[in-house]
N, C-alpha and C. Protein backbone atom coordinates (compact mmCIF):
# COMPACT_ATOMS: atom_id res chain seq x y z
N UNK A 1 0.84 -1.18 0.00
CA UNK A 1 0.00 0.00 0.00
C UNK A 1 0.89 1.25 0.00
N UNK A 2 0.56 2.18 -0.86
CA UNK A 2 1.35 3.40 -0.97
C UNK A 2 1.08 4.32 0.22
N UNK A 3 2.15 4.92 0.68
CA UNK A 3 2.05 5.83 1.81
C UNK A 3 1.45 7.15 1.38
N UNK A 4 0.57 7.72 2.20
CA UNK A 4 0.00 9.04 1.87
C UNK A 4 1.07 10.13 1.90
N UNK A 5 0.75 11.27 1.34
CA UNK A 5 1.62 12.44 1.39
C UNK A 5 1.38 13.15 2.73
N UNK A 6 2.21 12.84 3.72
CA UNK A 6 2.00 13.38 5.05
C UNK A 6 2.17 14.90 5.08
N UNK A 7 3.07 15.43 4.29
CA UNK A 7 3.25 16.89 4.23
C UNK A 7 1.95 17.55 3.79
N UNK A 8 1.33 17.00 2.77
CA UNK A 8 0.08 17.55 2.27
C UNK A 8 -1.03 17.44 3.31
N UNK A 9 -1.08 16.31 4.01
CA UNK A 9 -2.08 16.14 5.06
C UNK A 9 -1.94 17.21 6.14
N UNK A 10 -0.70 17.49 6.53
CA UNK A 10 -0.47 18.53 7.55
C UNK A 10 -0.93 19.89 7.04
N UNK A 11 -0.59 20.21 5.80
CA UNK A 11 -0.99 21.51 5.23
C UNK A 11 -2.51 21.63 5.14
N UNK A 12 -3.19 20.52 4.81
CA UNK A 12 -4.65 20.56 4.66
C UNK A 12 -5.36 20.89 5.96
N UNK A 13 -4.74 20.61 7.10
CA UNK A 13 -5.34 20.95 8.39
C UNK A 13 -4.63 22.14 9.03
N UNK A 14 -3.92 22.90 8.21
CA UNK A 14 -3.25 24.14 8.63
C UNK A 14 -2.21 23.94 9.72
N UNK A 15 -1.49 22.82 9.66
CA UNK A 15 -0.38 22.59 10.58
C UNK A 15 0.93 22.76 9.84
N UNK A 16 1.92 23.30 10.57
CA UNK A 16 3.25 23.41 10.00
C UNK A 16 3.81 22.02 9.76
N UNK A 17 4.54 21.87 8.68
CA UNK A 17 5.21 20.61 8.37
C UNK A 17 6.54 20.61 9.11
N UNK A 18 6.64 19.72 10.11
CA UNK A 18 7.88 19.61 10.87
C UNK A 18 8.39 18.17 10.79
N UNK A 19 9.66 18.00 10.99
CA UNK A 19 10.25 16.66 10.93
C UNK A 19 9.65 15.74 11.99
N UNK A 20 9.46 16.18 13.24
CA UNK A 20 8.84 15.29 14.22
C UNK A 20 7.41 14.88 13.82
N UNK A 21 6.62 15.80 13.33
CA UNK A 21 5.25 15.45 12.92
C UNK A 21 5.26 14.44 11.77
N UNK A 22 6.17 14.64 10.81
CA UNK A 22 6.27 13.70 9.69
C UNK A 22 6.71 12.32 10.19
N UNK A 23 7.67 12.28 11.11
CA UNK A 23 8.15 11.01 11.64
C UNK A 23 7.06 10.29 12.43
N UNK A 24 6.29 11.04 13.21
CA UNK A 24 5.21 10.43 13.99
C UNK A 24 4.09 9.94 13.08
N UNK A 25 3.70 10.72 12.10
CA UNK A 25 2.68 10.27 11.15
C UNK A 25 3.12 8.99 10.44
N UNK A 26 4.36 8.94 10.00
CA UNK A 26 4.88 7.74 9.34
C UNK A 26 4.87 6.55 10.29
N UNK A 27 5.28 6.78 11.53
CA UNK A 27 5.33 5.70 12.52
C UNK A 27 3.93 5.14 12.80
N UNK A 28 2.96 6.02 12.99
CA UNK A 28 1.60 5.57 13.28
C UNK A 28 1.00 4.88 12.05
N UNK A 29 1.27 5.42 10.87
CA UNK A 29 0.77 4.80 9.65
C UNK A 29 1.35 3.40 9.47
N UNK A 30 2.64 3.25 9.74
CA UNK A 30 3.31 1.96 9.55
C UNK A 30 3.01 0.95 10.65
N UNK A 31 2.57 1.45 11.82
CA UNK A 31 2.32 0.58 12.98
C UNK A 31 0.97 0.92 13.61
N UNK A 32 -0.13 0.62 12.92
CA UNK A 32 -1.44 0.95 13.48
C UNK A 32 -1.68 0.25 14.83
N UNK A 33 -2.32 0.95 15.71
CA UNK A 33 -2.67 0.49 17.06
C UNK A 33 -1.45 0.40 17.97
N UNK A 34 -0.38 1.10 17.63
CA UNK A 34 0.82 1.11 18.47
C UNK A 34 0.60 2.01 19.68
N UNK A 35 1.24 1.63 20.80
CA UNK A 35 1.20 2.49 21.98
C UNK A 35 2.27 3.58 21.83
N UNK A 36 2.30 4.48 22.77
CA UNK A 36 3.21 5.63 22.68
C UNK A 36 4.67 5.21 22.60
N UNK A 37 5.07 4.26 23.43
CA UNK A 37 6.47 3.82 23.41
C UNK A 37 6.85 3.22 22.06
N UNK A 38 5.93 2.47 21.46
CA UNK A 38 6.19 1.89 20.14
C UNK A 38 6.25 2.98 19.07
N UNK A 39 5.41 4.01 19.21
CA UNK A 39 5.45 5.12 18.26
C UNK A 39 6.78 5.85 18.38
N UNK A 40 7.26 6.04 19.60
CA UNK A 40 8.56 6.70 19.80
C UNK A 40 9.66 5.90 19.11
N UNK A 41 9.68 4.59 19.32
CA UNK A 41 10.71 3.74 18.70
C UNK A 41 10.62 3.79 17.18
N UNK A 42 9.40 3.72 16.65
CA UNK A 42 9.23 3.75 15.19
C UNK A 42 9.58 5.12 14.63
N UNK A 43 9.21 6.20 15.33
CA UNK A 43 9.53 7.55 14.87
C UNK A 43 11.05 7.74 14.82
N UNK A 44 11.74 7.14 15.78
CA UNK A 44 13.21 7.26 15.81
C UNK A 44 13.87 6.52 14.65
N UNK A 45 13.16 5.57 14.04
CA UNK A 45 13.74 4.92 12.86
C UNK A 45 13.71 5.88 11.67
N UNK A 46 12.82 6.88 11.71
CA UNK A 46 12.75 7.90 10.66
C UNK A 46 13.55 9.14 11.03
N UNK A 47 13.59 9.43 12.33
CA UNK A 47 14.26 10.64 12.83
C UNK A 47 14.94 10.29 14.15
N UNK A 48 16.18 9.81 14.11
CA UNK A 48 16.84 9.25 15.30
C UNK A 48 16.91 10.17 16.51
N UNK A 49 16.98 11.47 16.30
CA UNK A 49 17.15 12.38 17.44
C UNK A 49 15.84 12.96 17.97
N UNK A 50 14.69 12.44 17.55
CA UNK A 50 13.42 12.98 18.02
C UNK A 50 13.24 12.64 19.50
N UNK A 51 12.83 13.64 20.28
CA UNK A 51 12.69 13.46 21.73
C UNK A 51 11.34 12.85 22.08
N UNK A 52 11.27 12.29 23.28
CA UNK A 52 9.99 11.79 23.80
C UNK A 52 8.95 12.90 23.75
N UNK A 53 9.34 14.08 24.24
CA UNK A 53 8.40 15.19 24.32
C UNK A 53 7.90 15.61 22.94
N UNK A 54 8.77 15.62 21.95
CA UNK A 54 8.34 15.97 20.59
C UNK A 54 7.33 14.97 20.05
N UNK A 55 7.52 13.69 20.37
CA UNK A 55 6.56 12.66 19.94
C UNK A 55 5.23 12.86 20.66
N UNK A 56 5.28 13.06 21.98
CA UNK A 56 4.04 13.30 22.74
C UNK A 56 3.31 14.52 22.21
N UNK A 57 4.04 15.60 21.99
CA UNK A 57 3.42 16.83 21.47
C UNK A 57 2.82 16.60 20.09
N UNK A 58 3.54 15.88 19.24
CA UNK A 58 3.06 15.60 17.89
C UNK A 58 1.81 14.73 17.93
N UNK A 59 1.81 13.70 18.77
CA UNK A 59 0.63 12.84 18.89
C UNK A 59 -0.59 13.66 19.32
N UNK A 60 -0.38 14.54 20.30
CA UNK A 60 -1.48 15.38 20.78
C UNK A 60 -1.99 16.29 19.65
N UNK A 61 -1.08 16.97 18.98
CA UNK A 61 -1.45 17.90 17.91
C UNK A 61 -2.14 17.17 16.76
N UNK A 62 -1.59 16.03 16.35
CA UNK A 62 -2.14 15.27 15.23
C UNK A 62 -3.51 14.68 15.58
N UNK A 63 -3.69 14.30 16.84
CA UNK A 63 -4.99 13.80 17.28
C UNK A 63 -6.02 14.93 17.29
N UNK A 64 -5.63 16.07 17.82
CA UNK A 64 -6.53 17.23 17.84
C UNK A 64 -6.93 17.66 16.43
N UNK A 65 -6.02 17.52 15.47
CA UNK A 65 -6.28 17.92 14.09
C UNK A 65 -7.06 16.86 13.31
N UNK A 66 -7.23 15.68 13.91
CA UNK A 66 -7.98 14.62 13.25
C UNK A 66 -7.17 13.77 12.28
N UNK A 67 -5.86 13.91 12.28
CA UNK A 67 -5.01 13.09 11.41
C UNK A 67 -4.66 11.75 12.05
N UNK A 68 -4.75 11.69 13.37
CA UNK A 68 -4.48 10.48 14.14
C UNK A 68 -5.65 10.28 15.08
N UNK A 69 -5.99 9.03 15.30
CA UNK A 69 -7.06 8.68 16.24
C UNK A 69 -6.44 7.94 17.42
N UNK A 70 -6.85 8.30 18.61
CA UNK A 70 -6.42 7.62 19.82
C UNK A 70 -7.55 6.71 20.29
N UNK A 71 -7.22 5.45 20.54
CA UNK A 71 -8.21 4.54 21.11
C UNK A 71 -7.68 4.06 22.45
N UNK A 72 -8.58 3.80 23.38
CA UNK A 72 -8.17 3.39 24.72
C UNK A 72 -9.02 2.20 25.18
N UNK A 73 -8.67 1.00 24.70
CA UNK A 73 -9.41 -0.18 25.18
C UNK A 73 -9.24 -0.32 26.70
N UNK A 74 -10.27 -0.81 27.37
CA UNK A 74 -10.22 -0.98 28.82
C UNK A 74 -9.00 -1.79 29.22
N UNK A 75 -8.28 -1.30 30.22
CA UNK A 75 -7.11 -2.01 30.72
C UNK A 75 -5.87 -1.85 29.87
N UNK A 76 -5.91 -0.96 28.88
CA UNK A 76 -4.78 -0.77 27.97
C UNK A 76 -4.39 0.70 27.94
N UNK A 77 -3.15 0.95 27.58
CA UNK A 77 -2.71 2.32 27.35
C UNK A 77 -3.30 2.80 26.03
N UNK A 78 -3.21 4.08 25.78
CA UNK A 78 -3.70 4.65 24.51
C UNK A 78 -2.95 4.03 23.35
N UNK A 79 -3.67 3.78 22.28
CA UNK A 79 -3.12 3.28 21.04
C UNK A 79 -3.46 4.28 19.95
N UNK A 80 -2.67 4.31 18.88
CA UNK A 80 -2.85 5.33 17.84
C UNK A 80 -2.95 4.70 16.47
N UNK A 81 -3.73 5.35 15.61
CA UNK A 81 -3.89 4.90 14.23
C UNK A 81 -4.16 6.10 13.33
N UNK A 82 -3.85 5.95 12.05
CA UNK A 82 -4.12 7.02 11.08
C UNK A 82 -5.42 6.80 10.33
N UNK A 83 -6.09 5.70 10.58
CA UNK A 83 -7.40 5.46 9.95
C UNK A 83 -8.42 6.28 10.74
N UNK A 84 -8.82 7.39 10.17
CA UNK A 84 -9.73 8.31 10.86
C UNK A 84 -10.93 8.63 9.98
N UNK A 85 -11.97 9.12 10.60
CA UNK A 85 -13.11 9.65 9.86
C UNK A 85 -14.09 8.64 9.31
N UNK A 86 -13.88 7.35 9.57
CA UNK A 86 -14.82 6.38 9.01
C UNK A 86 -15.60 5.62 10.08
N UNK A 87 -15.43 5.95 11.34
CA UNK A 87 -16.18 5.37 12.45
C UNK A 87 -16.10 3.85 12.48
N UNK A 88 -14.92 3.30 12.20
CA UNK A 88 -14.75 1.85 12.30
C UNK A 88 -14.56 1.48 13.77
N UNK A 89 -14.57 0.19 14.03
CA UNK A 89 -14.47 -0.31 15.40
C UNK A 89 -13.23 -1.20 15.52
N UNK A 90 -13.09 -1.87 16.67
CA UNK A 90 -11.89 -2.67 16.92
C UNK A 90 -12.24 -3.98 17.61
N UNK A 91 -11.39 -4.97 17.38
CA UNK A 91 -11.46 -6.24 18.11
C UNK A 91 -10.13 -6.37 18.85
N UNK A 92 -10.22 -6.75 20.14
CA UNK A 92 -9.04 -6.81 21.00
C UNK A 92 -8.92 -8.21 21.58
N UNK A 93 -7.72 -8.76 21.54
CA UNK A 93 -7.46 -10.08 22.13
C UNK A 93 -7.30 -9.91 23.65
N UNK A 94 -8.08 -10.68 24.39
CA UNK A 94 -8.01 -10.63 25.86
C UNK A 94 -6.68 -11.19 26.39
N UNK A 95 -6.02 -12.01 25.60
CA UNK A 95 -4.79 -12.66 26.07
C UNK A 95 -3.55 -11.83 25.74
N UNK A 96 -3.31 -11.56 24.47
CA UNK A 96 -2.07 -10.88 24.08
C UNK A 96 -2.24 -9.38 23.84
N UNK A 97 -3.48 -8.89 23.74
CA UNK A 97 -3.73 -7.47 23.55
C UNK A 97 -3.68 -6.98 22.12
N UNK A 98 -3.51 -7.90 21.15
CA UNK A 98 -3.46 -7.45 19.76
C UNK A 98 -4.81 -6.82 19.38
N UNK A 99 -4.75 -5.87 18.46
CA UNK A 99 -5.93 -5.11 18.06
C UNK A 99 -6.03 -5.13 16.55
N UNK A 100 -7.25 -5.29 16.05
CA UNK A 100 -7.49 -5.24 14.61
C UNK A 100 -8.71 -4.37 14.34
N UNK A 101 -8.76 -3.79 13.15
CA UNK A 101 -9.90 -2.97 12.75
C UNK A 101 -11.08 -3.85 12.35
N UNK A 102 -12.27 -3.35 12.66
CA UNK A 102 -13.52 -3.98 12.24
C UNK A 102 -14.36 -2.88 11.60
N UNK A 103 -14.71 -3.07 10.34
CA UNK A 103 -15.55 -2.08 9.68
C UNK A 103 -16.92 -2.03 10.32
N UNK A 104 -17.62 -0.92 10.12
CA UNK A 104 -18.98 -0.79 10.65
C UNK A 104 -19.82 -1.98 10.23
N UNK A 105 -20.60 -2.50 11.15
CA UNK A 105 -21.40 -3.68 10.87
C UNK A 105 -22.46 -3.39 9.81
N UNK A 106 -23.25 -2.39 10.01
CA UNK A 106 -24.30 -2.04 9.05
C UNK A 106 -24.58 -0.55 9.13
N UNK A 107 -25.19 -0.03 8.09
CA UNK A 107 -25.69 1.33 8.14
C UNK A 107 -24.66 2.40 7.90
N UNK A 108 -25.01 3.58 8.31
CA UNK A 108 -24.16 4.75 8.12
C UNK A 108 -23.74 5.30 9.48
N UNK A 109 -22.82 6.23 9.47
CA UNK A 109 -22.32 6.81 10.71
C UNK A 109 -23.50 7.29 11.52
N UNK A 110 -23.61 6.98 12.79
CA UNK A 110 -22.60 6.39 13.65
C UNK A 110 -22.65 4.87 13.75
N UNK A 111 -23.22 4.16 12.82
CA UNK A 111 -23.24 2.69 12.78
C UNK A 111 -24.22 2.06 13.75
N UNK A 112 -24.52 2.72 14.82
CA UNK A 112 -25.48 2.23 15.81
C UNK A 112 -26.41 3.38 16.17
N UNK A 113 -27.62 3.04 16.49
CA UNK A 113 -28.57 4.05 16.91
C UNK A 113 -28.86 3.84 18.40
N UNK A 114 -28.65 4.86 19.20
CA UNK A 114 -28.89 4.76 20.63
C UNK A 114 -30.39 4.65 20.89
N UNK A 115 -30.75 3.83 21.88
CA UNK A 115 -32.17 3.68 22.21
C UNK A 115 -32.75 4.97 22.78
N UNK A 116 -31.90 5.79 23.41
CA UNK A 116 -32.33 7.07 23.95
C UNK A 116 -31.13 8.01 23.88
N UNK A 117 -31.21 9.03 23.07
CA UNK A 117 -30.06 9.94 22.92
C UNK A 117 -29.96 10.97 24.03
N UNK A 118 -30.99 11.06 24.87
CA UNK A 118 -31.01 12.04 25.98
C UNK A 118 -30.75 13.45 25.48
N UNK A 119 -31.15 13.73 24.25
CA UNK A 119 -31.00 15.05 23.67
C UNK A 119 -29.66 15.31 23.02
N UNK A 120 -28.73 14.37 23.11
CA UNK A 120 -27.42 14.53 22.48
C UNK A 120 -27.56 14.39 20.97
N UNK A 121 -26.73 15.11 20.24
CA UNK A 121 -26.60 14.90 18.80
C UNK A 121 -25.42 13.94 18.64
N UNK A 122 -25.73 12.68 18.40
CA UNK A 122 -24.71 11.64 18.37
C UNK A 122 -24.09 11.58 16.98
N UNK A 123 -22.75 11.63 16.92
CA UNK A 123 -22.05 11.58 15.63
C UNK A 123 -21.05 10.44 15.54
N UNK A 124 -20.90 9.67 16.62
CA UNK A 124 -19.95 8.56 16.61
C UNK A 124 -20.39 7.52 17.61
N UNK A 125 -20.15 6.26 17.27
CA UNK A 125 -20.37 5.16 18.20
C UNK A 125 -19.08 4.37 18.29
N UNK A 126 -18.64 4.08 19.50
CA UNK A 126 -17.40 3.33 19.67
C UNK A 126 -17.74 1.95 20.18
N UNK A 127 -17.35 0.95 19.43
CA UNK A 127 -17.60 -0.44 19.78
C UNK A 127 -16.26 -1.15 19.83
N UNK A 128 -16.04 -1.91 20.90
CA UNK A 128 -14.85 -2.75 20.97
C UNK A 128 -15.32 -4.17 21.21
N UNK A 129 -14.94 -5.05 20.30
CA UNK A 129 -15.22 -6.46 20.45
C UNK A 129 -14.05 -7.09 21.18
N UNK A 130 -14.33 -7.98 22.12
CA UNK A 130 -13.28 -8.65 22.89
C UNK A 130 -13.33 -10.15 22.62
N UNK A 131 -12.17 -10.79 22.59
CA UNK A 131 -12.10 -12.23 22.39
C UNK A 131 -10.66 -12.67 22.37
N UNK A 132 -10.40 -13.78 21.72
CA UNK A 132 -9.04 -14.29 21.59
C UNK A 132 -8.65 -14.26 20.12
N UNK A 133 -7.45 -13.78 19.83
CA UNK A 133 -6.95 -13.76 18.46
C UNK A 133 -6.68 -15.19 18.00
N UNK A 134 -6.49 -15.42 16.71
CA UNK A 134 -6.25 -16.79 16.23
C UNK A 134 -5.07 -17.48 16.91
N UNK A 135 -3.99 -16.75 17.13
CA UNK A 135 -2.82 -17.35 17.78
C UNK A 135 -3.09 -17.76 19.22
N UNK A 136 -3.80 -16.92 19.96
CA UNK A 136 -4.08 -17.22 21.37
C UNK A 136 -5.18 -18.28 21.51
N UNK A 137 -6.14 -18.30 20.61
CA UNK A 137 -7.23 -19.28 20.74
C UNK A 137 -6.74 -20.69 20.48
N UNK A 138 -5.67 -20.84 19.69
CA UNK A 138 -5.08 -22.16 19.44
C UNK A 138 -4.36 -22.67 20.68
N UNK A 139 -3.78 -21.75 21.46
CA UNK A 139 -3.01 -22.13 22.65
C UNK A 139 -3.88 -22.49 23.84
N UNK A 140 -5.16 -22.14 23.82
CA UNK A 140 -6.01 -22.41 24.98
C UNK A 140 -6.72 -23.73 24.89
């Protein structure tokens, strides 16, 4: 799969193109669902001298701009992905913690209709499926 033009993505959301932001976007794109420490390690493969703080700041800025999505499965640290804007869901292995994307089951955004919105204008539904991944289910 061809890598997106990260510089263009940054410009489209009115962010300055910086080396740390480019390295973090590349790291998250190449390692979907990575935690912060994994993003730091991957970003350093693109930019060896990038600091922890620069990665944290970039993740925050990119998440706020909608270029990166942060997910927080119960009992897990935040994970990051560049697949944004499509309201997809996730499946998480209870044993090893691996995470995979699950497209919306049916319908249009937000994929689910709340039985009572309590007056909220709902624009997203977050669903996490839990189970055992193929590797872990064979071991049990």
